[in-house]
Amino acid sequence: MFTEDLDAYFADFGIASTLQGGSAGGVTVIFDRAALAELGVQGTSPQALAKASAVADGDEGKTLTIDGTAYVIDRRDPIDDGAFVLLQLSV
């Protein structure tokens, strides 16, 4: 079976974060605080890309602290083959 080192994807842009109730080593994510303009209202839609093995199904509602800011995981969306997940966050 082919296995790939997924940590290499986080080498340049990965940020250490802490998942509520998660492992002591934390979770490395690629964080994006994308700006949105819906119906004339400006806001943000924070998202984080993580390895699926680092953020379990059912972690929705837990906090993910990135750069000192605590975000709530609203949704965990698998990407392609499921090795990575996109976390939809809110403050």
PDB file of N, CA and C in Angstrom:
ATOM      1  N   MET A   1       0.835  -1.184   0.000  1.00  0.00           N
ATOM      2  CA  MET A   1       0.000   0.000   0.000  1.00  0.00           C
ATOM      3  C   MET A   1       0.875   1.240   0.000  1.00  0.00           C
ATOM      4  N   PHE A   2       0.517   2.202  -0.807  1.00  0.00           N
ATOM      5  CA  PHE A   2       1.245   3.459  -0.910  1.00  0.00           C
ATOM      6  C   PHE A   2       0.864   4.373   0.245  1.00  0.00           C
ATOM      7  N   THR A   3       1.856   4.886   0.968  1.00  0.00           N
ATOM      8  CA  THR A   3       1.591   5.863   2.019  1.00  0.00           C
ATOM      9  C   THR A   3       2.408   7.114   1.730  1.00  0.00           C
ATOM     10  N   GLU A   4       1.815   8.242   1.994  1.00  0.00           N
ATOM     11  CA  GLU A   4       2.451   9.517   1.705  1.00  0.00           C
ATOM     12  C   GLU A   4       2.617  10.295   3.003  1.00  0.00           C
ATOM     13  N   ASP A   5       3.727  11.025   3.120  1.00  0.00           N
ATOM     14  CA  ASP A   5       3.970  11.855   4.292  1.00  0.00           C
ATOM     15  C   ASP A   5       3.175  13.151   4.138  1.00  0.00           C
ATOM     16  N   LEU A   6       2.030  13.234   4.793  1.00  0.00           N
ATOM     17  CA  LEU A   6       1.163  14.401   4.667  1.00  0.00           C
ATOM     18  C   LEU A   6       1.722  15.629   5.370  1.00  0.00           C
ATOM     19  N   ASP A   7       2.645  15.443   6.301  1.00  0.00           N
ATOM     20  CA  ASP A   7       3.239  16.578   7.003  1.00  0.00           C
ATOM     21  C   ASP A   7       3.989  17.507   6.056  1.00  0.00           C
ATOM     22  N   ALA A   8       4.469  16.989   4.942  1.00  0.00           N
ATOM     23  CA  ALA A   8       5.191  17.812   3.973  1.00  0.00           C
ATOM     24  C   ALA A   8       4.323  18.936   3.412  1.00  0.00           C
ATOM     25  N   TYR A   9       3.019  18.737   3.354  1.00  0.00           N
ATOM     26  CA  TYR A   9       2.118  19.760   2.839  1.00  0.00           C
ATOM     27  C   TYR A   9       2.017  20.965   3.773  1.00  0.00           C
ATOM     28  N   PHE A  10       2.365  20.782   5.036  1.00  0.00           N
ATOM     29  CA  PHE A  10       2.246  21.849   6.025  1.00  0.00           C
ATOM     30  C   PHE A  10       3.592  22.511   6.329  1.00  0.00           C
ATOM     31  N   ALA A  11       4.665  22.081   5.661  1.00  0.00           N
ATOM     32  CA  ALA A  11       6.012  22.556   5.974  1.00  0.00           C
ATOM     33  C   ALA A  11       6.172  24.065   5.806  1.00  0.00           C
ATOM     34  N   ASP A  12       5.630  24.651   4.764  1.00  0.00           N
ATOM     35  CA  ASP A  12       5.842  26.073   4.498  1.00  0.00           C
ATOM     36  C   ASP A  12       4.803  26.982   5.145  1.00  0.00           C
ATOM     37  N   PHE A  13       3.550  26.566   5.182  1.00  0.00           N
ATOM     38  CA  PHE A  13       2.477  27.453   5.625  1.00  0.00           C
ATOM     39  C   PHE A  13       1.743  26.955   6.870  1.00  0.00           C
ATOM     40  N   GLY A  14       2.174  25.868   7.445  1.00  0.00           N
ATOM     41  CA  GLY A  14       1.496  25.298   8.606  1.00  0.00           C
ATOM     42  C   GLY A  14       1.643  26.151   9.851  1.00  0.00           C
ATOM     43  N   ILE A  15       0.574  26.212  10.627  1.00  0.00           N
ATOM     44  CA  ILE A  15       0.549  26.958  11.882  1.00  0.00           C
ATOM     45  C   ILE A  15       0.139  25.979  12.977  1.00  0.00           C
ATOM     46  N   ALA A  16       0.840  26.022  14.094  1.00  0.00           N
ATOM     47  CA  ALA A  16       0.474  25.171  15.227  1.00  0.00           C
ATOM     48  C   ALA A  16      -0.810  25.693  15.855  1.00  0.00           C
ATOM     49  N   SER A  17      -1.710  24.789  16.181  1.00  0.00           N
ATOM     50  CA  SER A  17      -2.964  25.153  16.835  1.00  0.00           C
ATOM     51  C   SER A  17      -3.259  24.124  17.916  1.00  0.00           C
ATOM     52  N   THR A  18      -4.216  24.459  18.771  1.00  0.00           N
ATOM     53  CA  THR A  18      -4.579  23.569  19.867  1.00  0.00           C
ATOM     54  C   THR A  18      -6.048  23.221  19.749  1.00  0.00           C
ATOM     55  N   LEU A  19      -6.343  21.936  19.704  1.00  0.00           N
ATOM     56  CA  LEU A  19      -7.719  21.455  19.622  1.00  0.00           C
ATOM     57  C   LEU A  19      -8.201  21.096  21.019  1.00  0.00           C
ATOM     58  N   GLN A  20      -9.363  21.593  21.385  1.00  0.00           N
ATOM     59  CA  GLN A  20      -9.964  21.298  22.688  1.00  0.00           C
ATOM     60  C   GLN A  20     -10.068  19.782  22.859  1.00  0.00           C
ATOM     61  N   GLY A  21      -9.449  19.269  23.913  1.00  0.00           N
ATOM     62  CA  GLY A  21      -9.483  17.837  24.183  1.00  0.00           C
ATOM     63  C   GLY A  21      -8.600  17.021  23.259  1.00  0.00           C
ATOM     64  N   GLY A  22      -7.797  17.692  22.426  1.00  0.00           N
ATOM     65  CA  GLY A  22      -6.940  16.994  21.476  1.00  0.00           C
ATOM     66  C   GLY A  22      -5.628  16.556  22.092  1.00  0.00           C
ATOM     67  N   SER A  23      -4.743  16.043  21.266  1.00  0.00           N
ATOM     68  CA  SER A  23      -3.456  15.542  21.743  1.00  0.00           C
ATOM     69  C   SER A  23      -2.574  16.700  22.210  1.00  0.00           C
ATOM     70  N   ALA A  24      -1.620  16.385  23.066  1.00  0.00           N
ATOM     71  CA  ALA A  24      -0.737  17.399  23.646  1.00  0.00           C
ATOM     72  C   ALA A  24       0.117  18.082  22.587  1.00  0.00           C
ATOM     73  N   GLY A  25       0.400  17.397  21.486  1.00  0.00           N
ATOM     74  CA  GLY A  25       1.240  17.969  20.442  1.00  0.00           C
ATOM     75  C   GLY A  25       0.538  18.999  19.589  1.00  0.00           C
ATOM     76  N   GLY A  26      -0.766  19.104  19.702  1.00  0.00           N
ATOM     77  CA  GLY A  26      -1.521  20.072  18.915  1.00  0.00           C
ATOM     78  C   GLY A  26      -1.784  19.585  17.503  1.00  0.00           C
ATOM     79  N   VAL A  27      -2.359  20.474  16.714  1.00  0.00           N
ATOM     80  CA  VAL A  27      -2.728  20.184  15.336  1.00  0.00           C
ATOM     81  C   VAL A  27      -2.100  21.249  14.448  1.00  0.00           C
ATOM     82  N   THR A  28      -1.401  20.839  13.408  1.00  0.00           N
ATOM     83  CA  THR A  28      -0.858  21.789  12.447  1.00  0.00           C
ATOM     84  C   THR A  28      -1.897  22.005  11.352  1.00  0.00           C
ATOM     85  N   VAL A  29      -2.212  23.282  11.092  1.00  0.00           N
ATOM     86  CA  VAL A  29      -3.229  23.627  10.097  1.00  0.00           C
ATOM     87  C   VAL A  29      -2.691  24.685   9.146  1.00  0.00           C
ATOM     88  N   ILE A  30      -3.337  24.811   8.017  1.00  0.00           N
ATOM     89  CA  ILE A  30      -3.133  25.955   7.133  1.00  0.00           C
ATOM     90  C   ILE A  30      -4.376  26.807   7.299  1.00  0.00           C
ATOM     91  N   PHE A  31      -4.197  28.013   7.852  1.00  0.00           N
ATOM     92  CA  PHE A  31      -5.308  28.869   8.249  1.00  0.00           C
ATOM     93  C   PHE A  31      -5.588  29.913   7.185  1.00  0.00           C
ATOM     94  N   ASP A  32      -6.873  30.143   6.918  1.00  0.00           N
ATOM     95  CA  ASP A  32      -7.304  31.156   5.957  1.00  0.00           C
ATOM     96  C   ASP A  32      -8.481  31.912   6.552  1.00  0.00           C
ATOM     97  N   ARG A  33      -8.323  33.208   6.673  1.00  0.00           N
ATOM     98  CA  ARG A  33      -9.390  34.067   7.198  1.00  0.00           C
ATOM     99  C   ARG A  33      -9.948  34.849   6.010  1.00  0.00           C
ATOM    100  N   ALA A  34     -10.635  34.155   5.127  1.00  0.00           N
ATOM    101  CA  ALA A  34     -11.131  34.733   3.884  1.00  0.00           C
ATOM    102  C   ALA A  34     -12.198  35.796   4.151  1.00  0.00           C
ATOM    103  N   ALA A  35     -12.119  36.868   3.400  1.00  0.00           N
ATOM    104  CA  ALA A  35     -13.112  37.936   3.526  1.00  0.00           C
ATOM    105  C   ALA A  35     -14.307  37.614   2.642  1.00  0.00           C
ATOM    106  N   LEU A  36     -15.486  37.927   3.140  1.00  0.00           N
ATOM    107  CA  LEU A  36     -16.729  37.695   2.412  1.00  0.00           C
ATOM    108  C   LEU A  36     -17.521  38.984   2.332  1.00  0.00           C
ATOM    109  N   ALA A  37     -18.280  39.120   1.282  1.00  0.00           N
ATOM    110  CA  ALA A  37     -19.226  40.224   1.177  1.00  0.00           C
ATOM    111  C   ALA A  37     -20.531  39.633   0.671  1.00  0.00           C
ATOM    112  N   GLU A  38     -21.442  39.379   1.598  1.00  0.00           N
ATOM    113  CA  GLU A  38     -22.733  38.814   1.234  1.00  0.00           C
ATOM    114  C   GLU A  38     -23.818  39.847   1.475  1.00  0.00           C
ATOM    115  N   LEU A  39     -24.613  40.097   0.468  1.00  0.00           N
ATOM    116  CA  LEU A  39     -25.719  41.034   0.568  1.00  0.00           C
ATOM    117  C   LEU A  39     -25.283  42.379   1.124  1.00  0.00           C
ATOM    118  N   GLY A  40     -24.077  42.809   0.725  1.00  0.00           N
ATOM    119  CA  GLY A  40     -23.579  44.114   1.142  1.00  0.00           C
ATOM    120  C   GLY A  40     -22.995  44.155   2.533  1.00  0.00           C
ATOM    121  N   VAL A  41     -22.908  43.015   3.214  1.00  0.00           N
ATOM    122  CA  VAL A  41     -22.347  42.964   4.565  1.00  0.00           C
ATOM    123  C   VAL A  41     -20.971  42.314   4.485  1.00  0.00           C
ATOM    124  N   GLN A  42     -19.966  43.042   4.985  1.00  0.00           N
ATOM    125  CA  GLN A  42     -18.597  42.535   4.964  1.00  0.00           C
ATOM    126  C   GLN A  42     -18.353  41.682   6.212  1.00  0.00           C
ATOM    127  N   GLY A  43     -17.695  40.548   6.043  1.00  0.00           N
ATOM    128  CA  GLY A  43     -17.383  39.681   7.168  1.00  0.00           C
ATOM    129  C   GLY A  43     -16.246  38.748   6.814  1.00  0.00           C
ATOM    130  N   THR A  44     -15.990  37.798   7.689  1.00  0.00           N
ATOM    131  CA  THR A  44     -14.941  36.814   7.414  1.00  0.00           C
ATOM    132  C   THR A  44     -15.513  35.415   7.537  1.00  0.00           C
ATOM    133  N   SER A  45     -14.876  34.497   6.856  1.00  0.00           N
ATOM    134  CA  SER A  45     -15.250  33.090   6.917  1.00  0.00           C
ATOM    135  C   SER A  45     -13.978  32.290   7.174  1.00  0.00           C
ATOM    136  N   PRO A  46     -13.536  32.222   8.450  1.00  0.00           N
ATOM    137  CA  PRO A  46     -12.285  31.517   8.728  1.00  0.00           C
ATOM    138  C   PRO A  46     -12.389  30.024   8.435  1.00  0.00           C
ATOM    139  N   GLN A  47     -11.302  29.494   7.860  1.00  0.00           N
ATOM    140  CA  GLN A  47     -11.223  28.077   7.524  1.00  0.00           C
ATOM    141  C   GLN A  47      -9.826  27.577   7.872  1.00  0.00           C
ATOM    142  N   ALA A  48      -9.715  26.298   8.144  1.00  0.00           N
ATOM    143  CA  ALA A  48      -8.418  25.692   8.407  1.00  0.00           C
ATOM    144  C   ALA A  48      -8.360  24.340   7.711  1.00  0.00           C
ATOM    145  N   LEU A  49      -7.254  24.089   7.050  1.00  0.00           N
ATOM    146  CA  LEU A  49      -7.003  22.806   6.402  1.00  0.00           C
ATOM    147  C   LEU A  49      -6.169  21.972   7.367  1.00  0.00           C
ATOM    148  N   ALA A  50      -6.588  20.730   7.609  1.00  0.00           N
ATOM    149  CA  ALA A  50      -5.877  19.852   8.540  1.00  0.00           C
ATOM    150  C   ALA A  50      -5.877  18.426   8.009  1.00  0.00           C
ATOM    151  N   LYS A  51      -4.974  17.610   8.564  1.00  0.00           N
ATOM    152  CA  LYS A  51      -5.000  16.188   8.252  1.00  0.00           C
ATOM    153  C   LYS A  51      -6.245  15.596   8.899  1.00  0.00           C
ATOM    154  N   ALA A  52      -6.937  14.731   8.194  1.00  0.00           N
ATOM    155  CA  ALA A  52      -8.157  14.115   8.719  1.00  0.00           C
ATOM    156  C   ALA A  52      -7.871  13.322   9.988  1.00  0.00           C
ATOM    157  N   SER A  53      -6.703  12.745  10.082  1.00  0.00           N
ATOM    158  CA  SER A  53      -6.356  11.952  11.265  1.00  0.00           C
ATOM    159  C   SER A  53      -6.165  12.816  12.509  1.00  0.00           C
ATOM    160  N   ALA A  54      -5.981  14.130  12.333  1.00  0.00           N
ATOM    161  CA  ALA A  54      -5.750  15.025  13.469  1.00  0.00           C
ATOM    162  C   ALA A  54      -7.035  15.606  14.043  1.00  0.00           C
ATOM    163  N   VAL A  55      -8.088  15.623  13.234  1.00  0.00           N
ATOM    164  CA  VAL A  55      -9.373  16.193  13.667  1.00  0.00           C
ATOM    165  C   VAL A  55     -10.444  15.147  13.392  1.00  0.00           C
ATOM    166  N   ALA A  56     -10.972  14.574  14.445  1.00  0.00           N
ATOM    167  CA  ALA A  56     -11.900  13.453  14.316  1.00  0.00           C
ATOM    168  C   ALA A  56     -13.296  13.897  13.908  1.00  0.00           C
ATOM    169  N   ASP A  57     -14.014  12.967  13.309  1.00  0.00           N
ATOM    170  CA  ASP A  57     -15.440  13.159  13.082  1.00  0.00           C
ATOM    171  C   ASP A  57     -16.065  13.366  14.456  1.00  0.00           C
ATOM    172  N   GLY A  58     -16.919  14.319  14.590  1.00  0.00           N
ATOM    173  CA  GLY A  58     -17.534  14.580  15.884  1.00  0.00           C
ATOM    174  C   GLY A  58     -16.850  15.689  16.667  1.00  0.00           C
ATOM    175  N   ASP A  59     -15.800  16.293  16.097  1.00  0.00           N
ATOM    176  CA  ASP A  59     -15.138  17.411  16.769  1.00  0.00           C
ATOM    177  C   ASP A  59     -15.859  18.736  16.536  1.00  0.00           C
ATOM    178  N   GLU A  60     -16.959  18.705  15.793  1.00  0.00           N
ATOM    179  CA  GLU A  60     -17.735  19.921  15.595  1.00  0.00           C
ATOM    180  C   GLU A  60     -18.192  20.420  16.967  1.00  0.00           C
ATOM    181  N   GLY A  61     -18.130  21.728  17.165  1.00  0.00           N
ATOM    182  CA  GLY A  61     -18.501  22.319  18.441  1.00  0.00           C
ATOM    183  C   GLY A  61     -17.321  22.521  19.378  1.00  0.00           C
ATOM    184  N   LYS A  62     -16.205  21.856  19.106  1.00  0.00           N
ATOM    185  CA  LYS A  62     -14.998  22.047  19.917  1.00  0.00           C
ATOM    186  C   LYS A  62     -14.265  23.294  19.450  1.00  0.00           C
ATOM    187  N   THR A  63     -13.384  23.811  20.299  1.00  0.00           N
ATOM    188  CA  THR A  63     -12.614  24.990  19.922  1.00  0.00           C
ATOM    189  C   THR A  63     -11.256  24.590  19.357  1.00  0.00           C
ATOM    190  N   LEU A  64     -10.810  25.375  18.399  1.00  0.00           N
ATOM    191  CA  LEU A  64      -9.490  25.246  17.800  1.00  0.00           C
ATOM    192  C   LEU A  64      -8.828  26.604  17.979  1.00  0.00           C
ATOM    193  N   THR A  65      -7.769  26.659  18.777  1.00  0.00           N
ATOM    194  CA  THR A  65      -7.100  27.928  19.066  1.00  0.00           C
ATOM    195  C   THR A  65      -5.929  28.108  18.121  1.00  0.00           C
ATOM    196  N   ILE A  66      -5.984  29.204  17.349  1.00  0.00           N
ATOM    197  CA  ILE A  66      -4.962  29.522  16.355  1.00  0.00           C
ATOM    198  C   ILE A  66      -4.463  30.928  16.638  1.00  0.00           C
ATOM    199  N   ASP A  67      -3.159  31.085  16.835  1.00  0.00           N
ATOM    200  CA  ASP A  67      -2.560  32.392  17.126  1.00  0.00           C
ATOM    201  C   ASP A  67      -3.280  33.122  18.257  1.00  0.00           C
ATOM    202  N   GLY A  68      -3.664  32.403  19.293  1.00  0.00           N
ATOM    203  CA  GLY A  68      -4.287  33.007  20.459  1.00  0.00           C
ATOM    204  C   GLY A  68      -5.775  33.290  20.343  1.00  0.00           C
ATOM    205  N   THR A  69      -6.372  33.004  19.199  1.00  0.00           N
ATOM    206  CA  THR A  69      -7.806  33.207  19.012  1.00  0.00           C
ATOM    207  C   THR A  69      -8.499  31.854  18.987  1.00  0.00           C
ATOM    208  N   ALA A  70      -9.563  31.732  19.784  1.00  0.00           N
ATOM    209  CA  ALA A  70     -10.323  30.482  19.842  1.00  0.00           C
ATOM    210  C   ALA A  70     -11.449  30.525  18.812  1.00  0.00           C
ATOM    211  N   TYR A  71     -11.465  29.550  17.931  1.00  0.00           N
ATOM    212  CA  TYR A  71     -12.505  29.402  16.910  1.00  0.00           C
ATOM    213  C   TYR A  71     -13.299  28.141  17.220  1.00  0.00           C
ATOM    214  N   VAL A  72     -14.575  28.152  16.909  1.00  0.00           N
ATOM    215  CA  VAL A  72     -15.412  26.971  17.074  1.00  0.00           C
ATOM    216  C   VAL A  72     -15.473  26.250  15.730  1.00  0.00           C
ATOM    217  N   ILE A  73     -15.293  24.938  15.747  1.00  0.00           N
ATOM    218  CA  ILE A  73     -15.399  24.146  14.514  1.00  0.00           C
ATOM    219  C   ILE A  73     -16.878  23.950  14.220  1.00  0.00           C
ATOM    220  N   ASP A  74     -17.341  24.580  13.146  1.00  0.00           N
ATOM    221  CA  ASP A  74     -18.741  24.463  12.746  1.00  0.00           C
ATOM    222  C   ASP A  74     -18.984  23.236  11.879  1.00  0.00           C
ATOM    223  N   ARG A  75     -18.016  22.938  11.014  1.00  0.00           N
ATOM    224  CA  ARG A  75     -18.192  21.836  10.063  1.00  0.00           C
ATOM    225  C   ARG A  75     -16.831  21.257   9.705  1.00  0.00           C
ATOM    226  N   ARG A  76     -16.805  19.976   9.427  1.00  0.00           N
ATOM    227  CA  ARG A  76     -15.588  19.247   9.029  1.00  0.00           C
ATOM    228  C   ARG A  76     -15.886  18.602   7.688  1.00  0.00           C
ATOM    229  N   ASP A  77     -15.325  19.160   6.607  1.00  0.00           N
ATOM    230  CA  ASP A  77     -15.602  18.680   5.255  1.00  0.00           C
ATOM    231  C   ASP A  77     -14.396  17.931   4.693  1.00  0.00           C
ATOM    232  N   PRO A  78     -14.543  16.633   4.387  1.00  0.00           N
ATOM    233  CA  PRO A  78     -13.448  15.890   3.758  1.00  0.00           C
ATOM    234  C   PRO A  78     -13.139  16.459   2.368  1.00  0.00           C
ATOM    235  N   ILE A  79     -11.875  16.416   2.008  1.00  0.00           N
ATOM    236  CA  ILE A  79     -11.446  16.888   0.690  1.00  0.00           C
ATOM    237  C   ILE A  79     -10.972  15.688  -0.119  1.00  0.00           C
ATOM    238  N   ASP A  80     -11.458  15.570  -1.339  1.00  0.00           N
ATOM    239  CA  ASP A  80     -11.074  14.505  -2.274  1.00  0.00           C
ATOM    240  C   ASP A  80     -11.088  13.113  -1.640  1.00  0.00           C
ATOM    241  N   ASP A  81      -9.912  12.505  -1.450  1.00  0.00           N
ATOM    242  CA  ASP A  81      -9.859  11.128  -0.941  1.00  0.00           C
ATOM    243  C   ASP A  81     -10.016  11.038   0.574  1.00  0.00           C
ATOM    244  N   GLY A  82     -10.171  12.173   1.256  1.00  0.00           N
ATOM    245  CA  GLY A  82     -10.412  12.178   2.692  1.00  0.00           C
ATOM    246  C   GLY A  82      -9.170  12.252   3.560  1.00  0.00           C
ATOM    247  N   ALA A  83      -7.986  12.387   2.967  1.00  0.00           N
ATOM    248  CA  ALA A  83      -6.760  12.495   3.763  1.00  0.00           C
ATOM    249  C   ALA A  83      -6.697  13.841   4.483  1.00  0.00           C
ATOM    250  N   PHE A  84      -7.321  14.865   3.879  1.00  0.00           N
ATOM    251  CA  PHE A  84      -7.376  16.202   4.466  1.00  0.00           C
ATOM    252  C   PHE A  84      -8.832  16.581   4.705  1.00  0.00           C
ATOM    253  N   VAL A  85      -9.032  17.503   5.660  1.00  0.00           N
ATOM    254  CA  VAL A  85     -10.362  18.042   5.912  1.00  0.00           C
ATOM    255  C   VAL A  85     -10.280  19.562   5.939  1.00  0.00           C
ATOM    256  N   LEU A  86     -11.350  20.207   5.505  1.00  0.00           N
ATOM    257  CA  LEU A  86     -11.462  21.654   5.580  1.00  0.00           C
ATOM    258  C   LEU A  86     -12.415  21.953   6.731  1.00  0.00           C
ATOM    259  N   LEU A  87     -11.919  22.683   7.708  1.00  0.00           N
ATOM    260  CA  LEU A  87     -12.701  23.017   8.882  1.00  0.00           C
ATOM    261  C   LEU A  87     -13.320  24.398   8.702  1.00  0.00           C
ATOM    262  N   GLN A  88     -14.624  24.474   8.749  1.00  0.00           N
ATOM    263  CA  GLN A  88     -15.326  25.754   8.706  1.00  0.00           C
ATOM    264  C   GLN A  88     -15.405  26.242  10.138  1.00  0.00           C
ATOM    265  N   LEU A  89     -14.902  27.454  10.402  1.00  0.00           N
ATOM    266  CA  LEU A  89     -14.777  27.959  11.756  1.00  0.00           C
ATOM    267  C   LEU A  89     -15.614  29.211  11.981  1.00  0.00           C
ATOM    268  N   SER A  90     -15.911  29.481  13.247  1.00  0.00           N
ATOM    269  CA  SER A  90     -16.536  30.749  13.628  1.00  0.00           C
ATOM    270  C   SER A  90     -15.922  31.215  14.936  1.00  0.00           C
ATOM    271  N   VAL A  91     -16.020  32.511  15.193  1.00  0.00           N
ATOM    272  CA  VAL A  91     -15.423  33.079  16.405  1.00  0.00           C
ATOM    273  C   VAL A  91     -16.412  33.002  17.534  1.00  0.00           C
TER     274      VAL A  91
END
